C-alpha atoms as a PDB file:
ATOM      1  CA  MET A   1       0.000   0.000   0.000  1.00  0.00           C
ATOM      2  CA  PRO A   2       1.447   3.410  -0.903  1.00  0.00           C
ATOM      3  CA  ARG A   3       2.331   5.774   1.953  1.00  0.00           C
ATOM      4  CA  TYR A   4       1.834   9.539   1.925  1.00  0.00           C
ATOM      5  CA  VAL A   5       2.632  12.563   4.072  1.00  0.00           C
ATOM      6  CA  VAL A   6      -0.165  15.123   4.093  1.00  0.00           C
ATOM      7  CA  GLU A   7       0.669  18.696   5.045  1.00  0.00           C
ATOM      8  CA  ARG A   8      -2.218  20.680   6.499  1.00  0.00           C
ATOM      9  CA  ILE A   9      -2.321  24.361   7.386  1.00  0.00           C
ATOM     10  CA  PHE A  10      -4.665  25.679  10.072  1.00  0.00           C
ATOM     11  CA  PRO A  11      -4.399  29.512  10.041  1.00  0.00           C
ATOM     12  CA  GLU A  12      -6.113  29.765  13.441  1.00  0.00           C
ATOM     13  CA  GLY A  13      -4.447  26.636  14.822  1.00  0.00           C
ATOM     14  CA  VAL A  14      -5.863  23.156  15.238  1.00  0.00           C
ATOM     15  CA  GLU A  15      -7.496  22.236  18.526  1.00  0.00           C
ATOM     16  CA  ILE A  16      -6.164  19.053  20.094  1.00  0.00           C
ATOM     17  CA  PHE A  17      -8.921  17.436  22.152  1.00  0.00           C
ATOM     18  CA  LEU A  18      -7.943  15.451  25.221  1.00  0.00           C
ATOM     19  CA  GLY A  19      -9.729  12.685  27.077  1.00  0.00           C
ATOM     20  CA  GLU A  20     -12.953  11.121  25.850  1.00  0.00           C
ATOM     21  CA  GLU A  21     -13.654  13.981  23.427  1.00  0.00           C
ATOM     22  CA  GLY A  22     -10.303  13.367  21.720  1.00  0.00           C
ATOM     23  CA  VAL A  23     -11.002   9.653  21.508  1.00  0.00           C
ATOM     24  CA  GLN A  24     -14.364  10.308  19.834  1.00  0.00           C
ATOM     25  CA  VAL A  25     -12.863  12.761  17.329  1.00  0.00           C
ATOM     26  CA  CYS A  26     -10.106  10.313  16.365  1.00  0.00           C
ATOM     27  CA  GLU A  27     -12.474   7.356  16.121  1.00  0.00           C
ATOM     28  CA  GLY A  28     -14.751   9.376  13.834  1.00  0.00           C
ATOM     29  CA  VAL A  29     -11.875  10.287  11.518  1.00  0.00           C
ATOM     30  CA  VAL A  30     -10.628   6.685  11.427  1.00  0.00           C
ATOM     31  CA  ALA A  31     -14.115   5.354  10.620  1.00  0.00           C
ATOM     32  CA  LYS A  32     -14.675   7.812   7.743  1.00  0.00           C
ATOM     33  CA  ASN A  33     -11.199   7.057   6.372  1.00  0.00           C
ATOM     34  CA  ALA A  34     -11.870   3.318   6.435  1.00  0.00           C
ATOM     35  CA  ASP A  35     -14.848   3.785   4.110  1.00  0.00           C
ATOM     36  CA  ASP A  36     -12.346   4.700   1.362  1.00  0.00           C
ATOM     37  CA  GLY A  37      -9.517   2.352   2.347  1.00  0.00           C
ATOM     38  CA  VAL A  38      -7.442   5.153   3.899  1.00  0.00           C
ATOM     39  CA  THR A  39      -5.439   4.447   7.075  1.00  0.00           C
ATOM     40  CA  TRP A  40      -4.188   7.260   9.317  1.00  0.00           C
ATOM     41  CA  ILE A  41      -0.848   6.114  10.757  1.00  0.00           C
ATOM     42  CA  HIS A  42       0.085   9.138  12.908  1.00  0.00           C
ATOM     43  CA  SER A  43       0.552  12.904  12.787  1.00  0.00           C
ATOM     44  CA  TYR A  44       3.071  15.522  13.795  1.00  0.00           C
ATOM     45  CA  VAL A  45       1.832  18.914  14.992  1.00  0.00           C
ATOM     46  CA  SER A  46       3.901  22.100  14.876  1.00  0.00           C
ATOM     47  CA  GLU A  47       4.501  23.871  18.173  1.00  0.00           C
ATOM     48  CA  ASP A  48       2.113  26.689  17.257  1.00  0.00           C
ATOM     49  CA  HIS A  49      -0.579  24.157  16.167  1.00  0.00           C
ATOM     50  CA  ARG A  50      -0.869  25.834  12.740  1.00  0.00           C
ATOM     51  CA  LYS A  51       0.575  22.931  10.711  1.00  0.00           C
ATOM     52  CA  THR A  52       0.240  19.192  10.829  1.00  0.00           C
ATOM     53  CA  PHE A  53       2.101  16.519   8.925  1.00  0.00           C
ATOM     54  CA  CYS A  54       0.004  13.367   8.779  1.00  0.00           C
ATOM     55  CA  VAL A  55       1.185   9.951   7.604  1.00  0.00           C
ATOM     56  CA  TYR A  56      -1.373   7.861   5.706  1.00  0.00           C
ATOM     57  CA  ASP A  57      -1.577   4.617   3.804  1.00  0.00           C
ATOM     58  CA  ALA A  58      -3.925   4.855   0.806  1.00  0.00           C
ATOM     59  CA  GLU A  59      -4.239   3.632  -2.754  1.00  0.00           C
ATOM     60  CA  THR A  60      -4.277   7.162  -4.183  1.00  0.00           C
ATOM     61  CA  PRO A  61      -3.891  10.808  -3.156  1.00  0.00           C
ATOM     62  CA  GLU A  62      -7.471  11.313  -4.360  1.00  0.00           C
ATOM     63  CA  ALA A  63      -8.734   8.892  -1.693  1.00  0.00           C
ATOM     64  CA  ILE A  64      -6.936  10.981   0.938  1.00  0.00           C
ATOM     65  CA  ARG A  65      -8.426  14.219  -0.434  1.00  0.00           C
ATOM     66  CA  LYS A  66     -11.918  12.663  -0.409  1.00  0.00           C
ATOM     67  CA  THR A  67     -11.677  11.563   3.225  1.00  0.00           C
ATOM     68  CA  ALA A  68     -10.110  14.881   4.246  1.00  0.00           C
ATOM     69  CA  SER A  69     -13.104  16.678   2.765  1.00  0.00           C
ATOM     70  CA  ARG A  70     -15.532  14.376   4.574  1.00  0.00           C
ATOM     71  CA  ASN A  71     -13.631  14.980   7.827  1.00  0.00           C
ATOM     72  CA  GLY A  72     -13.560  18.765   7.321  1.00  0.00           C
ATOM     73  CA  LEU A  73      -9.753  18.844   7.130  1.00  0.00           C
ATOM     74  CA  PRO A  74      -7.638  21.019   4.843  1.00  0.00           C
ATOM     75  CA  VAL A  75      -5.019  19.558   2.494  1.00  0.00           C
ATOM     76  CA  GLU A  76      -2.099  21.761   1.511  1.00  0.00           C
ATOM     77  CA  GLN A  77       0.115  19.117  -0.068  1.00  0.00           C
ATOM     78  CA  ILE A  78       0.280  15.331  -0.444  1.00  0.00           C
ATOM     79  CA  THR A  79       3.671  13.691  -0.988  1.00  0.00           C
ATOM     80  CA  LYS A  80       4.204  10.005  -1.699  1.00  0.00           C
ATOM     81  CA  VAL A  81       7.029   8.735   0.547  1.00  0.00           C
ATOM     82  CA  ARG A  82       9.064   5.650   1.488  1.00  0.00           C
ATOM     83  CA  VAL A  83      10.655   4.832   4.818  1.00  0.00           C
ATOM     84  CA  LEU A  84      14.387   5.408   5.091  1.00  0.00           C
ATOM     85  CA  ASP A  85      15.902   4.923   8.516  1.00  0.00           C
ATOM     86  CA  PRO A  86      19.168   3.633  10.011  1.00  0.00           C
ATOM     87  CA  TYR A  87      17.775   0.087   9.913  1.00  0.00           C
ATOM     88  CA  PHE A  88      17.201   0.249   6.159  1.00  0.00           C
ATOM     89  CA  TYR A  89      20.726  -1.050   5.491  1.00  0.00           C
ATOM     90  CA  PRO A  90      21.661  -4.670   6.295  1.00  0.00           C
END
C-alpha cells in the first residue's frame, strides 16, 4: 500500500482534544477514512498548532483528499514517501 505525508495548514491553529472527546474525534476520523480504504498512521503537529504533517496509507492521493473533505480537514500538499531509517541497510 502506498504511503503519503499530508501537510495541512490551520491559520487559526488546530485544537487538540484530550480525554474522551479526543477519543471520539479520532475514532470518527478513522471510521470515515476506512470507508475509502485510507489508514491514518500518525501525525506531527507544529509547536504553534498551525501545521500538521500526517502519515497515511492509501491507494491514491485522491482517496486521501476525499476523506479529508468528509472529515472537514484542509489539504495543503500530499507527498508520496518511502521509509528510510538507520535500519534500512543490512
